[in-house]
Amino acid sequence: MYYFCAMKIAWQLFITFFKIGAFTLGGGYAMLSMVEKAVVDQKKWIASDEFWDLIAIVQSLPGVFAVNTALYVGHRIAGKRGALAAMLGAIIPSIVIILLLATIFREYRDLPVVERIFKGIRPCVVALILAPSLRMIKSAKLNWKTVIIPIVTVALIWWLKVSPALVILAAITGSLIYALIINRKAKKKEVEP
């Protein structure tokens, strides 16, 4: 019975991520809205706050964002079997579409209609990436003390051309130091009479 239930959930994960992978243009960030709608709103596998915490973790991992998201969500819901099912569901449509486009595109890429199609897709992709970005900003619960962090991050990466990896390492280091200071202050308050 357990095996049947586990396979059913794995199959649901595969189908969910297959649909998302098949109908999302623009990569991992563009698919976030669809993943949230499916996993949080429709299936109710993960709570909204937990989903955005999960996305924060996935963003800091090396590798393809869409695949990492599928792996993490799948693992959270159904362990290793769920991770594999979600990952395969997310990547199989891309592989098939890329193979089809590669065989067709080589022959028709110079046609004006093909160029117009790609020019029309670009603004849609920007919107697909912007929508989950705005939701991430909302879920971050920024206040006047923490709003400086994303501003400094953008300045470092965009204008000063600092490597995002260095910014992430600095954020991790700063968070650890901050946590240690808070823990030290909390322990001092416990000791004081």
Foldseek 3Di string as FASTA:
>chain_A
DVVVVLVVLLQVLLQQLLVLQQPFPQFDLLSVVSCCCVDCVPPNQDDPLVLLVLLVVLVLDDDGSNLSSQLSSLCSRRNPSRSVSNNCSNCVNVVVVVVVCVVVCVPCVPDPVNVVVVVVVVVVNVVSNVVVVVVSVVSVPDDPVRPVLVVVLCCCCPVVVDDVNVSVVVVVVVVVVVVVVVVVVVVVVVPDD
